[in-house]
PDB file of N, CA and C in Angstrom:
ATOM      1  N   MET A   1     124.539 112.625 144.983  1.00  0.00           N
ATOM      2  CA  MET A   1     124.999 112.054 143.745  1.00  0.00           C
ATOM      3  C   MET A   1     124.498 112.860 142.559  1.00  0.00           C
ATOM      4  N   GLY A   2     123.299 113.376 142.628  1.00  0.00           N
ATOM      5  CA  GLY A   2     122.740 114.138 141.533  1.00  0.00           C
ATOM      6  C   GLY A   2     123.558 115.367 141.197  1.00  0.00           C
ATOM      7  N   ASP A   3     124.001 116.134 142.215  1.00  0.00           N
ATOM      8  CA  ASP A   3     124.794 117.335 141.961  1.00  0.00           C
ATOM      9  C   ASP A   3     126.131 116.985 141.342  1.00  0.00           C
ATOM     10  N   ARG A   4     126.763 115.956 141.864  1.00  0.00           N
ATOM     11  CA  ARG A   4     128.064 115.532 141.333  1.00  0.00           C
ATOM     12  C   ARG A   4     127.910 115.018 139.910  1.00  0.00           C
ATOM     13  N   ALA A   5     126.890 114.202 139.653  1.00  0.00           N
ATOM     14  CA  ALA A   5     126.663 113.678 138.309  1.00  0.00           C
ATOM     15  C   ALA A   5     126.395 114.818 137.335  1.00  0.00           C
ATOM     16  N   GLY A   6     125.598 115.799 137.743  1.00  0.00           N
ATOM     17  CA  GLY A   6     125.304 116.939 136.885  1.00  0.00           C
ATOM     18  C   GLY A   6     126.547 117.755 136.585  1.00  0.00           C
ATOM     19  N   ALA A   7     127.416 117.897 137.570  1.00  0.00           N
ATOM     20  CA  ALA A   7     128.653 118.643 137.376  1.00  0.00           C
ATOM     21  C   ALA A   7     129.574 117.935 136.382  1.00  0.00           C
ATOM     22  N   LEU A   8     129.468 116.629 136.292  1.00  0.00           N
ATOM     23  CA  LEU A   8     130.294 115.855 135.361  1.00  0.00           C
ATOM     24  C   LEU A   8     129.644 115.729 133.989  1.00  0.00           C
ATOM     25  N   GLY A   9     128.481 116.333 133.782  1.00  0.00           N
ATOM     26  CA  GLY A   9     127.791 116.242 132.504  1.00  0.00           C
ATOM     27  C   GLY A   9     127.007 114.950 132.348  1.00  0.00           C
ATOM     28  N   LEU A  10     126.731 114.280 133.463  1.00  0.00           N
ATOM     29  CA  LEU A  10     125.984 113.022 133.435  1.00  0.00           C
ATOM     30  C   LEU A  10     124.545 113.271 133.860  1.00  0.00           C
ATOM     31  N   ARG A  11     123.630 112.463 133.325  1.00  0.00           N
ATOM     32  CA  ARG A  11     122.227 112.549 133.708  1.00  0.00           C
ATOM     33  C   ARG A  11     121.786 111.199 134.247  1.00  0.00           C
ATOM     34  N   ILE A  12     120.795 111.220 135.117  1.00  0.00           N
ATOM     35  CA  ILE A  12     120.247 110.006 135.699  1.00  0.00           C
ATOM     36  C   ILE A  12     118.837 109.811 135.159  1.00  0.00           C
ATOM     37  N   GLY A  13     118.477 108.562 134.873  1.00  0.00           N
ATOM     38  CA  GLY A  13     117.144 108.262 134.379  1.00  0.00           C
ATOM     39  C   GLY A  13     116.709 106.873 134.785  1.00  0.00           C
ATOM     40  N   ILE A  14     115.527 106.508 134.342  1.00  0.00           N
ATOM     41  CA  ILE A  14     114.962 105.193 134.643  1.00  0.00           C
ATOM     42  C   ILE A  14     114.629 104.496 133.334  1.00  0.00           C
ATOM     43  N   ALA A  15     114.972 103.215 133.247  1.00  0.00           N
ATOM     44  CA  ALA A  15     114.610 102.387 132.099  1.00  0.00           C
ATOM     45  C   ALA A  15     113.722 101.260 132.595  1.00  0.00           C
ATOM     46  N   VAL A  16     112.747 100.879 131.780  1.00  0.00           N
ATOM     47  CA  VAL A  16     111.845  99.773 132.107  1.00  0.00           C
ATOM     48  C   VAL A  16     112.170  98.607 131.183  1.00  0.00           C
ATOM     49  N   VAL A  17     112.400  97.447 131.765  1.00  0.00           N
ATOM     50  CA  VAL A  17     112.769  96.259 130.997  1.00  0.00           C
ATOM     51  C   VAL A  17     111.545  95.684 130.294  1.00  0.00           C
ATOM     52  N   THR A  18     111.689  95.399 128.999  1.00  0.00           N
ATOM     53  CA  THR A  18     110.673  94.662 128.245  1.00  0.00           C
ATOM     54  C   THR A  18     111.363  93.471 127.601  1.00  0.00           C
ATOM     55  N   GLY A  19     110.650  92.404 127.425  1.00  0.00           N
ATOM     56  CA  GLY A  19     111.218  91.223 126.789  1.00  0.00           C
ATOM     57  C   GLY A  19     111.937  90.318 127.767  1.00  0.00           C
ATOM     58  N   ARG A  20     112.487  89.229 127.207  1.00  0.00           N
ATOM     59  CA  ARG A  20     113.102  88.194 128.039  1.00  0.00           C
ATOM     60  C   ARG A  20     114.576  87.958 127.741  1.00  0.00           C
ATOM     61  N   SER A  21     115.209  88.857 127.003  1.00  0.00           N
ATOM     62  CA  SER A  21     116.591  88.609 126.597  1.00  0.00           C
ATOM     63  C   SER A  21     117.590  88.677 127.747  1.00  0.00           C
ATOM     64  N   MET A  22     117.230  89.301 128.854  1.00  0.00           N
ATOM     65  CA  MET A  22     118.169  89.425 129.973  1.00  0.00           C
ATOM     66  C   MET A  22     117.816  88.526 131.160  1.00  0.00           C
ATOM     67  N   LEU A  23     116.874  87.601 130.967  1.00  0.00           N
ATOM     68  CA  LEU A  23     116.583  86.617 132.014  1.00  0.00           C
ATOM     69  C   LEU A  23     117.821  85.758 132.246  1.00  0.00           C
ATOM     70  N   PRO A  24     118.134  85.330 133.437  1.00  0.00           N
ATOM     71  CA  PRO A  24     117.392  85.535 134.676  1.00  0.00           C
ATOM     72  C   PRO A  24     117.794  86.810 135.419  1.00  0.00           C
ATOM     73  N   THR A  25     118.753  87.557 134.882  1.00  0.00           N
ATOM     74  CA  THR A  25     119.233  88.752 135.585  1.00  0.00           C
ATOM     75  C   THR A  25     118.137  89.790 135.745  1.00  0.00           C
ATOM     76  N   LEU A  26     117.444  90.095 134.651  1.00  0.00           N
ATOM     77  CA  LEU A  26     116.375  91.088 134.662  1.00  0.00           C
ATOM     78  C   LEU A  26     115.102  90.460 134.122  1.00  0.00           C
ATOM     79  N   CYS A  27     113.973  90.909 134.649  1.00  0.00           N
ATOM     80  CA  CYS A  27     112.673  90.403 134.218  1.00  0.00           C
ATOM     81  C   CYS A  27     111.839  91.545 133.655  1.00  0.00           C
ATOM     82  N   GLU A  28     110.876  91.193 132.809  1.00  0.00           N
ATOM     83  CA  GLU A  28     109.968  92.197 132.242  1.00  0.00           C
ATOM     84  C   GLU A  28     109.352  93.021 133.364  1.00  0.00           C
ATOM     85  N   GLY A  29     109.374  94.339 133.199  1.00  0.00           N
ATOM     86  CA  GLY A  29     108.796  95.234 134.201  1.00  0.00           C
ATOM     87  C   GLY A  29     109.790  95.764 135.218  1.00  0.00           C
ATOM     88  N   ASP A  30     110.991  95.177 135.296  1.00  0.00           N
ATOM     89  CA  ASP A  30     111.993  95.712 136.218  1.00  0.00           C
ATOM     90  C   ASP A  30     112.282  97.166 135.857  1.00  0.00           C
ATOM     91  N   ARG A  31     112.471  97.990 136.876  1.00  0.00           N
ATOM     92  CA  ARG A  31     112.857  99.390 136.681  1.00  0.00           C
ATOM     93  C   ARG A  31     114.324  99.531 137.050  1.00  0.00           C
ATOM     94  N   LEU A  32     115.087 100.164 136.158  1.00  0.00           N
ATOM     95  CA  LEU A  32     116.530 100.270 136.342  1.00  0.00           C
ATOM     96  C   LEU A  32     116.943 101.735 136.451  1.00  0.00           C
ATOM     97  N   LEU A  33     117.869 102.015 137.348  1.00  0.00           N
ATOM     98  CA  LEU A  33     118.465 103.334 137.447  1.00  0.00           C
ATOM     99  C   LEU A  33     119.624 103.380 136.454  1.00  0.00           C
ATOM    100  N   VAL A  34     119.595 104.374 135.555  1.00  0.00           N
ATOM    101  CA  VAL A  34     120.583 104.466 134.478  1.00  0.00           C
ATOM    102  C   VAL A  34     121.333 105.788 134.590  1.00  0.00           C
ATOM    103  N   LEU A  35     122.645 105.707 134.443  1.00  0.00           N
ATOM    104  CA  LEU A  35     123.488 106.893 134.411  1.00  0.00           C
ATOM    105  C   LEU A  35     123.882 107.125 132.953  1.00  0.00           C
ATOM    106  N   TYR A  36     123.341 108.189 132.368  1.00  0.00           N
ATOM    107  CA  TYR A  36     123.584 108.499 130.958  1.00  0.00           C
ATOM    108  C   TYR A  36     124.900 109.245 130.812  1.00  0.00           C
ATOM    109  N   GLY A  37     125.660 108.895 129.780  1.00  0.00           N
ATOM    110  CA  GLY A  37     126.918 109.570 129.513  1.00  0.00           C
ATOM    111  C   GLY A  37     128.116 108.966 130.216  1.00  0.00           C
ATOM    112  N   LYS A  38     127.912 107.936 131.009  1.00  0.00           N
ATOM    113  CA  LYS A  38     129.017 107.285 131.713  1.00  0.00           C
ATOM    114  C   LYS A  38     129.678 106.271 130.785  1.00  0.00           C
ATOM    115  N   ARG A  39     130.984 106.196 130.822  1.00  0.00           N
ATOM    116  CA  ARG A  39     131.714 105.223 130.013  1.00  0.00           C
ATOM    117  C   ARG A  39     131.508 103.826 130.616  1.00  0.00           C
ATOM    118  N   PRO A  40     131.128 102.854 129.795  1.00  0.00           N
ATOM    119  CA  PRO A  40     130.889 101.512 130.328  1.00  0.00           C
ATOM    120  C   PRO A  40     132.186 100.760 130.607  1.00  0.00           C
ATOM    121  N   ARG A  41     132.048  99.696 131.377  1.00  0.00           N
ATOM    122  CA  ARG A  41     133.167  98.789 131.632  1.00  0.00           C
ATOM    123  C   ARG A  41     132.716  97.385 131.262  1.00  0.00           C
ATOM    124  N   ILE A  42     133.673  96.515 131.032  1.00  0.00           N
ATOM    125  CA  ILE A  42     133.363  95.131 130.688  1.00  0.00           C
ATOM    126  C   ILE A  42     132.529  94.513 131.809  1.00  0.00           C
ATOM    127  N   GLY A  43     131.451  93.835 131.450  1.00  0.00           N
ATOM    128  CA  GLY A  43     130.570  93.193 132.420  1.00  0.00           C
ATOM    129  C   GLY A  43     129.379  94.039 132.834  1.00  0.00           C
ATOM    130  N   ALA A  44     129.411  95.325 132.504  1.00  0.00           N
ATOM    131  CA  ALA A  44     128.327  96.229 132.910  1.00  0.00           C
ATOM    132  C   ALA A  44     127.077  96.006 132.073  1.00  0.00           C
ATOM    133  N   LEU A  45     125.922  96.243 132.693  1.00  0.00           N
ATOM    134  CA  LEU A  45     124.669  96.294 131.954  1.00  0.00           C
ATOM    135  C   LEU A  45     124.530  97.710 131.408  1.00  0.00           C
ATOM    136  N   VAL A  46     124.121  97.808 130.155  1.00  0.00           N
ATOM    137  CA  VAL A  46     124.024  99.110 129.500  1.00  0.00           C
ATOM    138  C   VAL A  46     122.716  99.222 128.722  1.00  0.00           C
ATOM    139  N   VAL A  47     122.300 100.457 128.488  1.00  0.00           N
ATOM    140  CA  VAL A  47     121.183 100.746 127.593  1.00  0.00           C
ATOM    141  C   VAL A  47     121.811 101.122 126.258  1.00  0.00           C
ATOM    142  N   VAL A  48     121.431 100.397 125.195  1.00  0.00           N
ATOM    143  CA  VAL A  48     122.030 100.605 123.879  1.00  0.00           C
ATOM    144  C   VAL A  48     120.973 100.757 122.802  1.00  0.00           C
ATOM    145  N   ARG A  49     121.397 101.371 121.721  1.00  0.00           N
ATOM    146  CA  ARG A  49     120.616 101.386 120.480  1.00  0.00           C
ATOM    147  C   ARG A  49     121.342 100.420 119.558  1.00  0.00           C
ATOM    148  N   LEU A  50     120.728  99.263 119.289  1.00  0.00           N
ATOM    149  CA  LEU A  50     121.372  98.260 118.450  1.00  0.00           C
ATOM    150  C   LEU A  50     121.396  98.716 117.000  1.00  0.00           C
ATOM    151  N   PRO A  51     122.538  98.534 116.318  1.00  0.00           N
ATOM    152  CA  PRO A  51     122.636  98.974 114.925  1.00  0.00           C
ATOM    153  C   PRO A  51     121.876  98.049 113.989  1.00  0.00           C
ATOM    154  N   GLY A  52     121.617  98.538 112.793  1.00  0.00           N
ATOM    155  CA  GLY A  52     120.970  97.729 111.777  1.00  0.00           C
ATOM    156  C   GLY A  52     120.015  98.536 110.929  1.00  0.00           C
ATOM    157  N   ARG A  53     119.476  97.890 109.913  1.00  0.00           N
ATOM    158  CA  ARG A  53     118.550  98.556 108.997  1.00  0.00           C
ATOM    159  C   ARG A  53     117.195  98.817 109.635  1.00  0.00           C
ATOM    160  N   VAL A  54     116.812  97.936 110.516  1.00  0.00           N
ATOM    161  CA  VAL A  54     115.509  98.049 111.168  1.00  0.00           C
ATOM    162  C   VAL A  54     115.634  98.976 112.378  1.00  0.00           C
ATOM    163  N   GLU A  55     114.695  99.905 112.514  1.00  0.00           N
ATOM    164  CA  GLU A  55     114.673 100.773 113.695  1.00  0.00           C
ATOM    165  C   GLU A  55     114.263  99.943 114.897  1.00  0.00           C
ATOM    166  N   ARG A  56     115.163  99.777 115.834  1.00  0.00           N
ATOM    167  CA  ARG A  56     114.892  98.972 117.028  1.00  0.00           C
ATOM    168  C   ARG A  56     114.718  99.881 118.235  1.00  0.00           C
ATOM    169  N   PRO A  57     113.931  99.436 119.202  1.00  0.00           N
ATOM    170  CA  PRO A  57     113.831 100.207 120.450  1.00  0.00           C
ATOM    171  C   PRO A  57     115.140 100.103 121.224  1.00  0.00           C
ATOM    172  N   LEU A  58     115.318 100.972 122.199  1.00  0.00           N
ATOM    173  CA  LEU A  58     116.479 100.855 123.069  1.00  0.00           C
ATOM    174  C   LEU A  58     116.432  99.506 123.771  1.00  0.00           C
ATOM    175  N   ALA A  59     117.604  98.968 124.105  1.00  0.00           N
ATOM    176  CA  ALA A  59     117.685  97.647 124.714  1.00  0.00           C
ATOM    177  C   ALA A  59     118.682  97.656 125.865  1.00  0.00           C
ATOM    178  N   VAL A  60     118.483  96.758 126.817  1.00  0.00           N
ATOM    179  CA  VAL A  60     119.448  96.553 127.895  1.00  0.00           C
ATOM    180  C   VAL A  60     120.242  95.303 127.540  1.00  0.00           C
ATOM    181  N   LYS A  61     121.556  95.434 127.523  1.00  0.00           N
ATOM    182  CA  LYS A  61     122.456  94.328 127.209  1.00  0.00           C
ATOM    183  C   LYS A  61     123.657  94.389 128.129  1.00  0.00           C
ATOM    184  N   ARG A  62     124.520  93.378 128.040  1.00  0.00           N
ATOM    185  CA  ARG A  62     125.727  93.311 128.852  1.00  0.00           C
ATOM    186  C   ARG A  62     126.948  93.529 127.959  1.00  0.00           C
ATOM    187  N   ILE A  63     127.835  94.420 128.374  1.00  0.00           N
ATOM    188  CA  ILE A  63     129.091  94.655 127.652  1.00  0.00           C
ATOM    189  C   ILE A  63     130.007  93.464 127.916  1.00  0.00           C
ATOM    190  N   THR A  64     130.481  92.822 126.846  1.00  0.00           N
ATOM    191  CA  THR A  64     131.380  91.689 127.048  1.00  0.00           C
ATOM    192  C   THR A  64     132.805  91.963 126.594  1.00  0.00           C
ATOM    193  N   ARG A  65     132.976  92.919 125.659  1.00  0.00           N
ATOM    194  CA  ARG A  65     134.344  93.278 125.267  1.00  0.00           C
ATOM    195  C   ARG A  65     134.338  94.547 124.414  1.00  0.00           C
ATOM    196  N   ARG A  66     135.506  95.152 124.355  1.00  0.00           N
ATOM    197  CA  ARG A  66     135.739  96.306 123.486  1.00  0.00           C
ATOM    198  C   ARG A  66     136.227  95.760 122.151  1.00  0.00           C
ATOM    199  N   GLU A  67     135.697  96.299 121.077  1.00  0.00           N
ATOM    200  CA  GLU A  67     136.103  95.822 119.768  1.00  0.00           C
ATOM    201  C   GLU A  67     136.200  97.006 118.812  1.00  0.00           C
ATOM    202  N   GLY A  68     137.418  97.400 118.456  1.00  0.00           N
ATOM    203  CA  GLY A  68     137.612  98.544 117.570  1.00  0.00           C
ATOM    204  C   GLY A  68     137.065  99.809 118.196  1.00  0.00           C
ATOM    205  N   SER A  69     136.165 100.476 117.476  1.00  0.00           N
ATOM    206  CA  SER A  69     135.580 101.725 117.987  1.00  0.00           C
ATOM    207  C   SER A  69     134.191 101.502 118.553  1.00  0.00           C
ATOM    208  N   GLY A  70     133.945 100.303 119.059  1.00  0.00           N
ATOM    209  CA  GLY A  70     132.631 100.012 119.616  1.00  0.00           C
ATOM    210  C   GLY A  70     132.692  98.949 120.687  1.00  0.00           C
ATOM    211  N   TRP A  71     131.519  98.443 121.027  1.00  0.00           N
ATOM    212  CA  TRP A  71     131.379  97.467 122.115  1.00  0.00           C
ATOM    213  C   TRP A  71     130.639  96.247 121.620  1.00  0.00           C
ATOM    214  N   TRP A  72     131.075  95.077 122.085  1.00  0.00           N
ATOM    215  CA  TRP A  72     130.367  93.828 121.831  1.00  0.00           C
ATOM    216  C   TRP A  72     129.425  93.644 123.003  1.00  0.00           C
ATOM    217  N   VAL A  73     128.113  93.551 122.716  1.00  0.00           N
ATOM    218  CA  VAL A  73     127.114  93.403 123.776  1.00  0.00           C
ATOM    219  C   VAL A  73     126.371  92.088 123.583  1.00  0.00           C
ATOM    220  N   GLU A  74     125.999  91.481 124.690  1.00  0.00           N
ATOM    221  CA  GLU A  74     125.296  90.203 124.633  1.00  0.00           C
ATOM    222  C   GLU A  74     124.101  90.191 125.567  1.00  0.00           C
ATOM    223  N   ARG A  75     123.169  89.321 125.264  1.00  0.00           N
ATOM    224  CA  ARG A  75     122.014  89.082 126.129  1.00  0.00           C
ATOM    225  C   ARG A  75     122.405  87.999 127.125  1.00  0.00           C
ATOM    226  N   ASP A  76     121.744  87.953 128.287  1.00  0.00           N
ATOM    227  CA  ASP A  76     122.021  86.909 129.272  1.00  0.00           C
ATOM    228  C   ASP A  76     121.254  85.630 128.961  1.00  0.00           C
ATOM    229  N   ASN A  77     120.165  85.748 128.200  1.00  0.00           N
ATOM    230  CA  ASN A  77     119.338  84.606 127.840  1.00  0.00           C
ATOM    231  C   ASN A  77     119.643  84.237 126.385  1.00  0.00           C
ATOM    232  N   PRO A  78     120.409  83.181 126.151  1.00  0.00           N
ATOM    233  CA  PRO A  78     120.826  82.861 124.783  1.00  0.00           C
ATOM    234  C   PRO A  78     119.691  82.442 123.851  1.00  0.00           C
ATOM    235  N   SER A  79     118.523  82.137 124.386  1.00  0.00           N
ATOM    236  CA  SER A  79     117.423  81.690 123.519  1.00  0.00           C
ATOM    237  C   SER A  79     116.446  82.805 123.153  1.00  0.00           C
ATOM    238  N   GLU A  80     116.706  84.044 123.605  1.00  0.00           N
ATOM    239  CA  GLU A  80     115.789  85.162 123.333  1.00  0.00           C
ATOM    240  C   GLU A  80     116.570  86.415 122.959  1.00  0.00           C
ATOM    241  N   GLY A  81     116.031  87.197 122.047  1.00  0.00           N
ATOM    242  CA  GLY A  81     116.530  88.541 121.813  1.00  0.00           C
ATOM    243  C   GLY A  81     117.604  88.675 120.751  1.00  0.00           C
ATOM    244  N   VAL A  82     118.079  89.908 120.627  1.00  0.00           N
ATOM    245  CA  VAL A  82     119.068  90.311 119.629  1.00  0.00           C
ATOM    246  C   VAL A  82     120.259  90.919 120.362  1.00  0.00           C
ATOM    247  N   ASP A  83     121.461  90.619 119.887  1.00  0.00           N
ATOM    248  CA  ASP A  83     122.666  91.211 120.473  1.00  0.00           C
ATOM    249  C   ASP A  83     123.736  91.303 119.397  1.00  0.00           C
ATOM    250  N   SER A  84     124.993  91.478 119.795  1.00  0.00           N
ATOM    251  CA  SER A  84     126.066  91.649 118.815  1.00  0.00           C
ATOM    252  C   SER A  84     126.287  90.417 117.947  1.00  0.00           C
ATOM    253  N   TRP A  85     125.872  89.254 118.403  1.00  0.00           N
ATOM    254  CA  TRP A  85     125.980  88.060 117.556  1.00  0.00           C
ATOM    255  C   TRP A  85     125.097  88.214 116.314  1.00  0.00           C
ATOM    256  N   THR A  86     124.067  89.033 116.409  1.00  0.00           N
ATOM    257  CA  THR A  86     123.145  89.263 115.287  1.00  0.00           C
ATOM    258  C   THR A  86     123.490  90.526 114.508  1.00  0.00           C
ATOM    259  N   VAL A  87     123.799  91.619 115.217  1.00  0.00           N
ATOM    260  CA  VAL A  87     123.952  92.927 114.564  1.00  0.00           C
ATOM    261  C   VAL A  87     125.380  93.450 114.550  1.00  0.00           C
ATOM    262  N   GLY A  88     126.304  92.770 115.196  1.00  0.00           N
ATOM    263  CA  GLY A  88     127.693  93.225 115.225  1.00  0.00           C
ATOM    264  C   GLY A  88     127.984  94.195 116.351  1.00  0.00           C
ATOM    265  N   VAL A  89     129.090  94.888 116.206  1.00  0.00           N
ATOM    266  CA  VAL A  89     129.583  95.812 117.235  1.00  0.00           C
ATOM    267  C   VAL A  89     128.649  97.017 117.357  1.00  0.00           C
ATOM    268  N   VAL A  90     128.428  97.447 118.594  1.00  0.00           N
ATOM    269  CA  VAL A  90     127.618  98.633 118.866  1.00  0.00           C
ATOM    270  C   VAL A  90     128.564  99.829 118.970  1.00  0.00           C
ATOM    271  N   PRO A  91     128.405 100.828 118.096  1.00  0.00           N
ATOM    272  CA  PRO A  91     129.282 102.009 118.154  1.00  0.00           C
ATOM    273  C   PRO A  91     129.180 102.733 119.494  1.00  0.00           C
ATOM    274  N   ASP A  92     130.266 103.408 119.864  1.00  0.00           N
ATOM    275  CA  ASP A  92     130.291 104.150 121.133  1.00  0.00           C
ATOM    276  C   ASP A  92     129.073 105.048 121.303  1.00  0.00           C
ATOM    277  N   ASP A  93     128.697 105.758 120.254  1.00  0.00           N
ATOM    278  CA  ASP A  93     127.570 106.693 120.336  1.00  0.00           C
ATOM    279  C   ASP A  93     126.234 106.001 120.588  1.00  0.00           C
ATOM    280  N   ASN A  94     126.157 104.698 120.345  1.00  0.00           N
ATOM    281  CA  ASN A  94     124.915 103.956 120.563  1.00  0.00           C
ATOM    282  C   ASN A  94     124.821 103.359 121.956  1.00  0.00           C
ATOM    283  N   VAL A  95     125.858 103.533 122.767  1.00  0.00           N
ATOM    284  CA  VAL A  95     125.780 103.139 124.183  1.00  0.00           C
ATOM    285  C   VAL A  95     125.242 104.361 124.910  1.00  0.00           C
ATOM    286  N   ILE A  96     123.966 104.289 125.280  1.00  0.00           N
ATOM    287  CA  ILE A  96     123.239 105.439 125.807  1.00  0.00           C
ATOM    288  C   ILE A  96     123.522 105.683 127.281  1.00  0.00           C
ATOM    289  N   GLY A  97     123.609 104.613 128.070  1.00  0.00           N
ATOM    290  CA  GLY A  97     123.827 104.773 129.505  1.00  0.00           C
ATOM    291  C   GLY A  97     124.222 103.467 130.157  1.00  0.00           C
ATOM    292  N   VAL A  98     124.704 103.565 131.390  1.00  0.00           N
ATOM    293  CA  VAL A  98     125.132 102.409 132.175  1.00  0.00           C
ATOM    294  C   VAL A  98     124.117 102.176 133.292  1.00  0.00           C
ATOM    295  N   VAL A  99     123.695 100.932 133.451  1.00  0.00           N
ATOM    296  CA  VAL A  99     122.755 100.578 134.519  1.00  0.00           C
ATOM    297  C   VAL A  99     123.499 100.608 135.848  1.00  0.00           C
ATOM    298  N   VAL A 100     122.980 101.409 136.774  1.00  0.00           N
ATOM    299  CA  VAL A 100     123.573 101.519 138.109  1.00  0.00           C
ATOM    300  C   VAL A 100     122.990 100.452 139.031  1.00  0.00           C
ATOM    301  N   GLY A 101     121.704 100.141 138.862  1.00  0.00           N
ATOM    302  CA  GLY A 101     121.070  99.120 139.685  1.00  0.00           C
ATOM    303  C   GLY A 101     119.585  99.027 139.402  1.00  0.00           C
ATOM    304  N   ARG A 102     118.973  98.019 139.977  1.00  0.00           N
ATOM    305  CA  ARG A 102     117.527  97.832 139.848  1.00  0.00           C
ATOM    306  C   ARG A 102     116.864  98.574 141.001  1.00  0.00           C
ATOM    307  N   ILE A 103     115.824  99.349 140.701  1.00  0.00           N
ATOM    308  CA  ILE A 103     115.116 100.070 141.759  1.00  0.00           C
ATOM    309  C   ILE A 103     113.722  99.508 142.003  1.00  0.00           C
ATOM    310  N   TRP A 104     113.224  98.669 141.079  1.00  0.00           N
ATOM    311  CA  TRP A 104     111.928  98.020 141.257  1.00  0.00           C
ATOM    312  C   TRP A 104     111.891  96.761 140.425  1.00  0.00           C
ATOM    313  N   PRO A 105     111.401  95.659 140.900  1.00  0.00           N
ATOM    314  CA  PRO A 105     110.738  95.537 142.200  1.00  0.00           C
ATOM    315  C   PRO A 105     111.756  95.483 143.324  1.00  0.00           C
ATOM    316  N   LEU A 106     111.267  95.850 144.503  1.00  0.00           N
ATOM    317  CA  LEU A 106     112.104  95.695 145.675  1.00  0.00           C
ATOM    318  C   LEU A 106     112.374  94.207 145.823  1.00  0.00           C
ATOM    319  N   ILE A 107     113.401  93.877 146.550  1.00  0.00           N
ATOM    320  CA  ILE A 107     113.771  92.474 146.692  1.00  0.00           C
ATOM    321  C   ILE A 107     112.596  91.702 147.286  1.00  0.00           C
ATOM    322  N   SER A 108     112.003  90.820 146.464  1.00  0.00           N
ATOM    323  CA  SER A 108     110.858  90.056 146.936  1.00  0.00           C
ATOM    324  C   SER A 108     110.597  88.905 145.975  1.00  0.00           C
ATOM    325  N   GLY A 109     109.744  88.026 146.379  1.00  0.00           N
ATOM    326  CA  GLY A 109     109.315  86.938 145.520  1.00  0.00           C
ATOM    327  C   GLY A 109     110.316  85.809 145.454  1.00  0.00           C
ATOM    328  N   PRO A 110     109.877  84.681 144.896  1.00  0.00           N
ATOM    329  CA  PRO A 110     110.718  83.486 144.872  1.00  0.00           C
ATOM    330  C   PRO A 110     111.906  83.609 143.922  1.00  0.00           C
ATOM    331  N   ARG A 111     111.848  84.543 142.955  1.00  0.00           N
ATOM    332  CA  ARG A 111     112.942  84.619 141.988  1.00  0.00           C
ATOM    333  C   ARG A 111     114.121  85.440 142.479  1.00  0.00           C
ATOM    334  N   ARG A 112     113.985  86.100 143.642  1.00  0.00           N
ATOM    335  CA  ARG A 112     115.043  86.981 144.122  1.00  0.00           C
ATOM    336  C   ARG A 112     115.238  86.850 145.626  1.00  0.00           C
ATOM    337  N   ASP A 113     116.471  87.005 146.017  1.00  0.00           N
ATOM    338  CA  ASP A 113     116.793  87.274 147.410  1.00  0.00           C
ATOM    339  C   ASP A 113     117.934  88.284 147.395  1.00  0.00           C
ATOM    340  N   ALA A 114     118.316  88.824 148.536  1.00  0.00           N
ATOM    341  CA  ALA A 114     119.306  89.913 148.558  1.00  0.00           C
ATOM    342  C   ALA A 114     120.614  89.507 147.893  1.00  0.00           C
ATOM    343  N   ARG A 115     121.080  88.295 148.135  1.00  0.00           N
ATOM    344  CA  ARG A 115     122.345  87.866 147.529  1.00  0.00           C
ATOM    345  C   ARG A 115     122.226  87.721 146.026  1.00  0.00           C
ATOM    346  N   SER A 116     121.116  87.177 145.533  1.00  0.00           N
ATOM    347  CA  SER A 116     121.001  86.955 144.090  1.00  0.00           C
ATOM    348  C   SER A 116     120.888  88.263 143.322  1.00  0.00           C
ATOM    349  N   VAL A 117     120.242  89.291 143.892  1.00  0.00           N
ATOM    350  CA  VAL A 117     120.141  90.573 143.201  1.00  0.00           C
ATOM    351  C   VAL A 117     121.526  91.191 143.050  1.00  0.00           C
ATOM    352  N   ARG A 118     122.321  91.192 144.121  1.00  0.00           N
ATOM    353  CA  ARG A 118     123.680  91.749 144.015  1.00  0.00           C
ATOM    354  C   ARG A 118     124.497  90.963 143.002  1.00  0.00           C
ATOM    355  N   ARG A 119     124.389  89.662 143.024  1.00  0.00           N
ATOM    356  CA  ARG A 119     125.153  88.818 142.117  1.00  0.00           C
ATOM    357  C   ARG A 119     124.689  89.009 140.678  1.00  0.00           C
ATOM    358  N   GLN A 120     123.394  89.127 140.438  1.00  0.00           N
ATOM    359  CA  GLN A 120     122.876  89.194 139.083  1.00  0.00           C
ATOM    360  C   GLN A 120     123.197  90.504 138.378  1.00  0.00           C
ATOM    361  N   ILE A 121     123.241  91.607 139.085  1.00  0.00           N
ATOM    362  CA  ILE A 121     123.532  92.879 138.432  1.00  0.00           C
ATOM    363  C   ILE A 121     125.001  92.914 138.006  1.00  0.00           C
ATOM    364  N   GLY A 122     125.878  92.220 138.695  1.00  0.00           N
ATOM    365  CA  GLY A 122     127.287  92.139 138.279  1.00  0.00           C
ATOM    366  C   GLY A 122     127.443  91.150 137.143  1.00  0.00           C
ATOM    367  N   PRO A 123     128.684  90.956 136.674  1.00  0.00           N
ATOM    368  CA  PRO A 123     128.908  90.036 135.562  1.00  0.00           C
ATOM    369  C   PRO A 123     128.522  88.621 135.938  1.00  0.00           C
ATOM    370  N   PRO A 124     127.940  87.868 134.989  1.00  0.00           N
ATOM    371  CA  PRO A 124     127.648  86.478 135.270  1.00  0.00           C
ATOM    372  C   PRO A 124     128.933  85.707 135.517  1.00  0.00           C
ATOM    373  N   LYS A 125     128.852  84.625 136.260  1.00  0.00           N
ATOM    374  CA  LYS A 125     130.032  83.809 136.516  1.00  0.00           C
ATOM    375  C   LYS A 125     130.610  83.334 135.192  1.00  0.00           C
ATOM    376  N   GLY A 126     131.935  83.357 135.128  1.00  0.00           N
ATOM    377  CA  GLY A 126     132.597  82.899 133.922  1.00  0.00           C
ATOM    378  C   GLY A 126     132.877  83.999 132.915  1.00  0.00           C
ATOM    379  N   ARG A 127     132.415  85.224 133.183  1.00  0.00           N
ATOM    380  CA  ARG A 127     132.685  86.346 132.268  1.00  0.00           C
ATOM    381  C   ARG A 127     133.596  87.345 132.965  1.00  0.00           C
ATOM    382  N   ALA A 128     134.407  87.994 132.164  1.00  0.00           N
ATOM    383  CA  ALA A 128     135.316  89.015 132.704  1.00  0.00           C
ATOM    384  C   ALA A 128     134.526  90.182 133.228  1.00  0.00           C
ATOM    385  N   GLY A 129     135.074  90.887 134.154  1.00  0.00           N
ATOM    386  CA  GLY A 129     134.351  92.045 134.625  1.00  0.00           C
ATOM    387  C   GLY A 129     135.105  92.784 135.623  1.00  0.00           C
TER     388      GLY A 129
END
């Protein structure tokens, strides 16, 4: 995959989740495999730079729709974090990469089982994807 991704001008990296805005899908400390330069699709988890006056760290959010020349992104936990409901549409250039999957922690603990990890990385029930 690395050779093919490199040939397409894509890079692979790792992102570490901080905060609680993506609970229950992602938890603080989760390590995510990210494909940089890939065009996102509706329902995908993405690494974004949220727009605004305040310099914000990169964030993991879910693409919920295309809007004009940007993307509407939302958090999975409605009681925590910042998303497009706060800052508006995220420009194309601010979508840094697409989450391919979680690489750590390995499937373990009471909060995860093999079925829930596969289900959680995809779109939540009730959302297009």
